[in-house]
């Protein structure tokens, strides 16, 4: 009875089942609580899917276990056996720190530029942009992640590492945009292409942390005001197309609005006058191509005094019959032109001839 009591006390100081049931959505690393106990040689270790178990002996990384069920012996703990200089067949309890690393994907994490980032553009030179979107990542090298990021915390969440990941992504984004050679004017139309390029360019930056960037999406890029105005102008030019037709359309719309607003006062009058002038110019230009150039004024003719056929005014002889034509005379007093053969001036009564 006394021996059984002692055995129970000893057994209660040993750990024979090691596992981590993750009931959270954001835990990346869980340090197994030893509670001052030792691990029994032959203990059962259960590593669930999307987990990796890492044994650490006095600060040195030892054996790493992928998903599965293990019975801890010297045969399947080669690194721990070497670190502790265990002899073959060692069965005594031992101490070790055990970390469970969550290797699932952490999705829909938001990123954004808290401050504008600089990029070099072929059209505008150095410009500042703001951007935001979402990304996803996972732990691919648990040992590297624990060395570079984790430290000695008992639990490590996504929020703990997210800040460092975001800073890494944002700092490399401007370089990725510049290397993509996509002009600022075309960024808005190439979010998907730029996202894929950025994913490839930024992934190596996270690998040094033991992480893998599985997704990177750019949802919006805010450009400087002057660049946005240039985009608006280019878009407007594309919509307008034929400027002549657009001018005609604008003039017609202005006339219609002026006609529908007779009480518009001087402003309406100005619009109406401007529209009228534009319409007049428009119609004049449109008619110019269809109208023929007016012919020169025909010379004035008079009938021949002999044969009556029309001859150019001022002719001395008829080109048809050769008859001499009467030459107009003037009044010697008032200089009024009178019909040939007239004896008195109809203006002043002076005798002529």
Protein backbone atom coordinates (compact mmCIF):
# COMPACT_ATOMS: atom_id res chain seq x y z
CA UNK A 1 0.00 0.00 0.00
CA UNK A 2 2.80 2.30 0.90
CA UNK A 3 4.72 1.44 -2.29
CA UNK A 4 1.62 2.07 -4.47
CA UNK A 5 1.14 5.48 -2.94
CA UNK A 6 4.73 6.42 -3.72
CA UNK A 7 4.34 5.08 -7.26
CA UNK A 8 1.26 7.25 -7.83
CA UNK A 9 3.13 10.33 -6.67
CA UNK A 10 5.99 9.58 -9.06
CA UNK A 11 3.58 8.90 -11.91
CA UNK A 12 1.77 12.18 -11.36
CA UNK A 13 5.07 13.98 -11.82
CA UNK A 14 5.53 12.47 -15.31
CA UNK A 15 3.89 13.34 -18.62
CA UNK A 16 2.79 10.38 -20.70
CA UNK A 17 0.52 12.11 -23.29
CA UNK A 18 1.56 15.21 -25.21
CA UNK A 19 -0.82 16.99 -27.61
CA UNK A 20 -2.29 20.40 -28.44
CA UNK A 21 -5.96 20.85 -29.26
CA UNK A 22 -6.13 24.23 -30.99
CA UNK A 23 -9.47 25.86 -30.29
CA UNK A 24 -8.43 29.28 -31.61
CA UNK A 25 -8.33 30.87 -35.06
CA UNK A 26 -5.18 32.93 -34.74
CA UNK A 27 -2.63 31.04 -32.62
CA UNK A 28 0.60 30.48 -34.50
CA UNK A 29 2.73 28.94 -31.76
CA UNK A 30 1.72 27.18 -28.53
CA UNK A 31 4.28 26.33 -25.88
CA UNK A 32 3.30 23.12 -24.16
CA UNK A 33 2.82 23.66 -20.43
CA UNK A 34 5.14 21.21 -18.64
CA UNK A 35 3.90 22.46 -15.24
CA UNK A 36 7.23 21.44 -13.68
CA UNK A 37 6.86 17.82 -14.80
CA UNK A 38 9.20 15.56 -16.74
CA UNK A 39 8.44 13.59 -19.88
CA UNK A 40 8.19 9.85 -19.48
CA UNK A 41 10.28 7.90 -21.93
CA UNK A 42 7.77 6.12 -24.15
CA UNK A 43 5.20 8.94 -23.82
CA UNK A 44 2.67 9.35 -26.63
CA UNK A 45 3.05 12.45 -28.82
CA UNK A 46 0.13 13.39 -31.07
CA UNK A 47 0.67 16.02 -33.78
CA UNK A 48 -2.52 16.97 -35.58
CA UNK A 49 -2.91 18.11 -39.18
CA UNK A 50 -1.58 21.63 -39.82
CA UNK A 51 0.73 21.29 -36.81
CA UNK A 52 4.43 20.70 -36.29
CA UNK A 53 5.94 19.84 -32.90
CA UNK A 54 9.44 21.12 -32.11
CA UNK A 55 11.52 19.93 -29.15
CA UNK A 56 13.99 22.45 -27.71
CA UNK A 57 16.65 21.37 -25.23
CA UNK A 58 18.19 24.17 -23.17
CA UNK A 59 17.73 26.66 -26.03
CA UNK A 60 18.95 24.29 -28.74
CA UNK A 61 16.55 23.01 -31.38
CA UNK A 62 16.20 19.26 -31.34
CA UNK A 63 13.77 16.92 -33.07
CA UNK A 64 10.89 18.14 -35.24
CA UNK A 65 7.74 16.06 -35.70
CA UNK A 66 5.31 16.35 -38.58
CA UNK A 67 1.58 15.37 -38.23
CA UNK A 68 1.22 11.88 -36.83
CA UNK A 69 1.34 9.79 -33.61
CA UNK A 70 4.68 8.97 -32.04
CA UNK A 71 6.01 6.99 -29.08
CA UNK A 72 8.97 8.92 -27.75
CA UNK A 73 12.04 6.70 -27.57
CA UNK A 74 15.72 7.16 -28.24
CA UNK A 75 15.14 5.62 -31.66
CA UNK A 76 12.85 8.43 -32.89
CA UNK A 77 14.57 11.21 -30.93
CA UNK A 78 18.05 11.17 -32.51
CA UNK A 79 18.89 14.84 -31.99
CA UNK A 80 17.66 14.90 -28.39
CA UNK A 81 19.61 11.69 -27.75
CA UNK A 82 22.78 13.31 -29.10
CA UNK A 83 22.27 16.56 -27.16
CA UNK A 84 21.72 14.74 -23.87
CA UNK A 85 24.35 12.06 -24.59
CA UNK A 86 21.87 9.31 -23.88
CA UNK A 87 23.10 5.81 -24.12
CA UNK A 88 21.21 3.26 -26.15
CA UNK A 89 18.16 2.03 -24.28
CA UNK A 90 17.90 5.07 -22.00
CA UNK A 91 14.52 4.97 -20.22
CA UNK A 92 14.67 7.67 -17.58
CA UNK A 93 12.27 10.68 -17.61
CA UNK A 94 13.64 13.87 -19.16
CA UNK A 95 12.86 17.56 -19.49
CA UNK A 96 12.39 19.48 -22.72
CA UNK A 97 10.53 22.50 -24.03
CA UNK A 98 7.92 21.56 -26.64
CA UNK A 99 6.43 24.03 -29.10
CA UNK A 100 3.49 23.33 -31.37
CA UNK A 101 3.63 25.46 -34.52
CA UNK A 102 0.44 26.02 -36.50
CA UNK A 103 1.19 25.57 -40.23
CA UNK A 104 -2.27 26.31 -41.63
CA UNK A 105 -2.89 29.30 -43.89
CA UNK A 106 -3.91 32.51 -42.19
CA UNK A 107 -6.29 34.12 -44.69
CA UNK A 108 -7.72 37.56 -45.41
CA UNK A 109 -5.16 39.52 -43.44
CA UNK A 110 -5.38 43.21 -44.31
CA UNK A 111 -2.40 45.34 -45.30
CA UNK A 112 -2.12 49.03 -46.13
CA UNK A 113 0.32 51.91 -46.40
CA UNK A 114 0.06 54.01 -43.25
CA UNK A 115 2.32 56.53 -45.00
CA UNK A 116 2.71 57.12 -48.77
CA UNK A 117 5.43 55.07 -50.43
CA UNK A 118 7.71 56.41 -53.13
CA UNK A 119 7.89 54.93 -56.61
CA UNK A 120 9.63 55.98 -59.80
CA UNK A 121 7.40 56.42 -62.85
CA UNK A 122 8.49 56.92 -66.45
CA UNK A 123 5.87 59.64 -67.05
CA UNK A 124 5.82 61.54 -63.74
CA UNK A 125 9.18 60.77 -62.16
CA UNK A 126 9.12 60.16 -58.40
CA UNK A 127 5.55 60.01 -57.06
CA UNK A 128 3.93 59.01 -53.78
CA UNK A 129 1.22 56.35 -53.72
CA UNK A 130 -1.05 54.79 -51.12
CA UNK A 131 -2.36 51.26 -51.43
CA UNK A 132 -4.23 48.60 -49.50
CA UNK A 133 -5.40 45.03 -49.93
CA UNK A 134 -5.30 41.55 -48.33
CA UNK A 135 -2.74 38.77 -48.02
CA UNK A 136 -2.42 35.22 -46.74
CA UNK A 137 0.59 33.42 -45.28
CA UNK A 138 1.68 30.29 -43.46
CA UNK A 139 4.64 28.93 -41.53
CA UNK A 140 6.77 26.75 -43.81
CA UNK A 141 9.95 26.50 -41.74
CA UNK A 142 9.01 26.15 -38.06
CA UNK A 143 12.61 26.18 -36.80
CA UNK A 144 13.47 29.39 -38.67
CA UNK A 145 10.23 31.01 -37.55
CA UNK A 146 10.90 30.15 -33.90
CA UNK A 147 14.47 31.45 -34.13
CA UNK A 148 13.71 34.69 -35.99
CA UNK A 149 10.32 35.71 -34.65
CA UNK A 150 8.97 33.75 -31.76
CA UNK A 151 11.27 34.22 -28.80
CA UNK A 152 10.15 32.70 -25.51
CA UNK A 153 6.47 33.63 -25.33
CA UNK A 154 4.08 30.97 -24.11
CA UNK A 155 1.71 31.71 -26.98
CA UNK A 156 2.21 33.60 -30.22
CA UNK A 157 -0.75 34.90 -32.29
CA UNK A 158 -1.10 36.19 -35.83
CA UNK A 159 -1.50 39.72 -34.48
CA UNK A 160 1.91 39.44 -32.82
CA UNK A 161 3.70 38.83 -36.12
CA UNK A 162 1.34 40.65 -38.46
CA UNK A 163 2.92 44.05 -37.87
CA UNK A 164 6.34 42.83 -38.93
CA UNK A 165 4.90 41.10 -42.01
CA UNK A 166 3.02 44.24 -43.06
CA UNK A 167 6.11 46.40 -42.72
CA UNK A 168 8.07 43.92 -44.80
CA UNK A 169 5.39 43.85 -47.51
CA UNK A 170 4.89 47.62 -47.71
CA UNK A 171 8.62 48.34 -47.78
CA UNK A 172 9.04 46.03 -50.76
CA UNK A 173 5.88 47.12 -52.59
CA UNK A 174 7.33 50.27 -54.16
CA UNK A 175 10.28 48.26 -55.49
CA UNK A 176 7.91 45.65 -56.89
CA UNK A 177 5.81 48.30 -58.65
CA UNK A 178 8.90 49.97 -60.12
CA UNK A 179 10.34 46.65 -61.31
CA UNK A 180 7.02 45.68 -62.92
CA UNK A 181 7.47 48.60 -65.40
CA UNK A 182 3.72 49.33 -65.27
CA UNK A 183 3.21 53.12 -65.74
CA UNK A 184 1.26 54.99 -63.06
CA UNK A 185 -1.43 55.80 -65.64
CA UNK A 186 -2.03 52.07 -66.15
CA UNK A 187 -1.82 50.81 -62.55
CA UNK A 188 -5.59 50.91 -62.00
CA UNK A 189 -6.16 48.63 -64.99
CA UNK A 190 -3.48 46.12 -63.94
CA UNK A 191 -4.18 45.30 -60.28
CA UNK A 192 -4.27 41.56 -60.91
CA UNK A 193 -1.06 41.52 -62.94
CA UNK A 194 0.68 43.74 -60.40
CA UNK A 195 -0.57 41.59 -57.51
CA UNK A 196 0.94 38.47 -59.08
CA UNK A 197 4.21 40.27 -59.74
CA UNK A 198 4.32 41.61 -56.18
CA UNK A 199 3.61 38.11 -54.80
CA UNK A 200 6.70 36.74 -56.53
CA UNK A 201 8.83 39.74 -55.59
CA UNK A 202 7.78 39.84 -51.92
CA UNK A 203 7.78 36.11 -51.15
CA UNK A 204 11.59 35.89 -50.64
CA UNK A 205 11.38 38.64 -48.01
CA UNK A 206 9.16 36.43 -45.83
CA UNK A 207 11.13 33.25 -46.41
CA UNK A 208 13.89 34.63 -44.19
CA UNK A 209 11.32 34.61 -41.36
CA UNK A 210 10.35 31.00 -41.99
CA UNK A 211 7.08 32.13 -43.59
CA UNK A 212 5.54 31.76 -47.03
CA UNK A 213 3.38 34.43 -48.67
CA UNK A 214 0.60 32.37 -50.25
CA UNK A 215 -1.54 35.23 -51.54
CA UNK A 216 -1.15 38.97 -52.10
CA UNK A 217 -3.99 41.07 -53.49
CA UNK A 218 -3.94 44.79 -54.30
CA UNK A 219 -7.47 46.17 -53.92
CA UNK A 220 -6.72 49.84 -54.52
CA UNK A 221 -3.87 52.21 -55.32
CA UNK A 222 -4.39 55.91 -54.65
CA UNK A 223 -2.33 58.09 -56.96
CA UNK A 224 -1.36 61.75 -56.49
CA UNK A 225 -3.98 64.30 -57.56
CA UNK A 226 -2.06 65.44 -60.65
CA UNK A 227 -1.74 61.85 -61.89
CA UNK A 228 -5.47 61.22 -61.35
CA UNK A 229 -6.27 64.37 -63.35
CA UNK A 230 -4.11 63.09 -66.22
CA UNK A 231 -5.99 59.79 -66.12
CA UNK A 232 -9.32 61.66 -66.19
CA UNK A 233 -8.21 63.71 -69.20
CA UNK A 234 -7.05 60.66 -71.11
CA UNK A 235 -10.29 58.86 -70.30
CA UNK A 236 -12.31 61.87 -71.46
CA UNK A 237 -10.40 62.04 -74.74
CA UNK A 238 -11.11 58.39 -75.34
CA UNK A 239 -14.82 58.89 -74.67
CA UNK A 240 -15.06 62.05 -76.81
CA UNK A 241 -13.41 60.51 -79.85
CA UNK A 242 -14.28 62.88 -82.75
CA UNK A 243 -13.80 66.40 -81.37
CA UNK A 244 -15.76 68.04 -84.21
CA UNK A 245 -18.81 65.90 -83.54
CA UNK A 246 -18.43 66.47 -79.82
CA UNK A 247 -18.34 70.26 -80.35
CA UNK A 248 -21.48 70.07 -82.47
CA UNK A 249 -23.18 67.99 -79.80
CA UNK A 250 -22.22 70.45 -77.06
CA UNK A 251 -23.49 73.41 -79.11
CA UNK A 252 -26.80 71.70 -79.81
CA UNK A 253 -27.23 70.82 -76.13
CA UNK A 254 -26.46 74.41 -75.11
CA UNK A 255 -29.06 75.74 -77.56
CA UNK A 256 -31.64 73.28 -76.30
CA UNK A 257 -31.02 74.25 -72.67
CA UNK A 258 -31.16 77.95 -73.54
CA UNK A 259 -34.45 77.45 -75.40
CA UNK A 260 -35.92 75.58 -72.42
CA UNK A 261 -34.84 78.32 -70.03
CA UNK A 262 -36.19 81.61 -71.46
CA UNK A 263 -36.11 83.28 -68.04
CA UNK A 264 -32.46 82.60 -67.47
CA UNK A 265 -31.54 86.28 -67.44
CA UNK A 266 -28.23 87.54 -68.76
CA UNK A 267 -26.54 84.21 -67.97
CA UNK A 268 -29.09 82.37 -70.08
CA UNK A 269 -28.77 85.02 -72.79
CA UNK A 270 -25.02 84.59 -72.80
CA UNK A 271 -25.39 80.85 -73.12
CA UNK A 272 -27.91 81.31 -75.89
CA UNK A 273 -25.72 83.79 -77.76
CA UNK A 274 -22.67 81.54 -77.35
CA UNK A 275 -24.62 78.51 -78.50
CA UNK A 276 -26.05 80.49 -81.41
CA UNK A 277 -22.61 81.61 -82.48
CA UNK A 278 -21.28 78.07 -82.15
CA UNK A 279 -24.21 76.68 -84.11
CA UNK A 280 -23.80 79.34 -86.77
CA UNK A 281 -20.15 78.48 -87.13
CA UNK A 282 -20.96 74.80 -87.13
CA UNK A 283 -23.58 75.11 -89.87
CA UNK A 284 -21.39 77.44 -91.89
CA UNK A 285 -18.56 74.91 -91.77
CA UNK A 286 -20.84 72.02 -92.60
CA UNK A 287 -22.40 73.92 -95.53
CA UNK A 288 -19.06 75.10 -96.83
CA UNK A 289 -18.27 71.72 -98.27
CA UNK A 290 -21.58 71.42 -100.16
CA UNK A 291 -22.02 74.91 -101.56
CA UNK A 292 -20.41 75.81 -104.87
CA UNK A 293 -18.22 78.84 -105.17
CA UNK A 294 -20.39 81.68 -106.57
CA UNK A 295 -19.55 82.60 -110.14
CA UNK A 296 -18.27 86.03 -111.03
CA UNK A 297 -20.93 88.67 -111.73
CA UNK A 298 -22.09 88.58 -115.34
CA UNK A 299 -21.25 91.75 -117.39
CA UNK A 300 -24.21 94.18 -118.02
CA UNK A 301 -25.67 94.13 -121.57
CA UNK A 302 -27.79 96.52 -123.68
CA UNK A 303 -29.75 95.88 -126.92
CA UNK A 304 -28.18 96.84 -130.26
CA UNK A 305 -29.80 100.01 -131.67
CA UNK A 306 -30.08 98.29 -135.04
CA UNK A 307 -30.66 94.50 -134.68
CA UNK A 308 -31.79 94.50 -131.02
CA UNK A 309 -29.48 91.67 -129.92
CA UNK A 310 -27.84 92.09 -126.51
CA UNK A 311 -24.33 93.49 -126.64
CA UNK A 312 -21.94 94.54 -123.85
CA UNK A 313 -22.75 97.93 -122.46
CA UNK A 314 -20.39 100.66 -123.75
CA UNK A 315 -19.78 98.95 -127.13
CA UNK A 316 -19.35 101.43 -130.01
CA UNK A 317 -20.36 98.85 -132.67
CA UNK A 318 -22.64 95.78 -132.62
CA UNK A 319 -20.61 92.57 -132.98
CA UNK A 320 -23.55 90.98 -134.81
CA UNK A 321 -24.60 93.58 -137.40
CA UNK A 322 -21.79 96.15 -137.16
CA UNK A 323 -24.15 99.07 -136.63
CA UNK A 324 -22.68 102.05 -134.77
CA UNK A 325 -24.04 102.39 -131.27
CA UNK A 326 -25.10 105.72 -129.76
CA UNK A 327 -22.65 106.93 -127.16
CA UNK A 328 -24.11 108.32 -123.98
CA UNK A 329 -23.56 112.04 -123.50
CA UNK A 330 -23.50 114.25 -120.42
CA UNK A 331 -25.14 117.60 -119.72
CA UNK A 332 -22.50 120.32 -120.13
CA UNK A 333 -23.97 122.21 -117.14
CA UNK A 334 -24.80 119.63 -114.43
CA UNK A 335 -22.82 116.70 -115.87
CA UNK A 336 -25.86 114.39 -115.69
CA UNK A 337 -25.68 111.45 -118.13
CA UNK A 338 -28.51 111.72 -120.70
CA UNK A 339 -29.86 109.43 -123.41
CA UNK A 340 -28.36 110.02 -126.86
CA UNK A 341 -30.61 112.29 -129.00
CA UNK A 342 -31.98 114.16 -125.98
CA UNK A 343 -32.16 117.91 -126.73
CA UNK A 344 -32.61 119.18 -123.18
CA UNK A 345 -31.17 117.92 -119.84
CA UNK A 346 -33.96 116.35 -117.76
CA UNK A 347 -32.18 117.50 -114.61
CA UNK A 348 -31.44 121.19 -115.18
CA UNK A 349 -33.13 121.96 -118.55
CA UNK A 350 -29.91 122.97 -120.27
CA UNK A 351 -30.00 122.61 -124.05
CA UNK A 352 -27.81 119.79 -125.30
CA UNK A 353 -26.14 119.75 -128.73
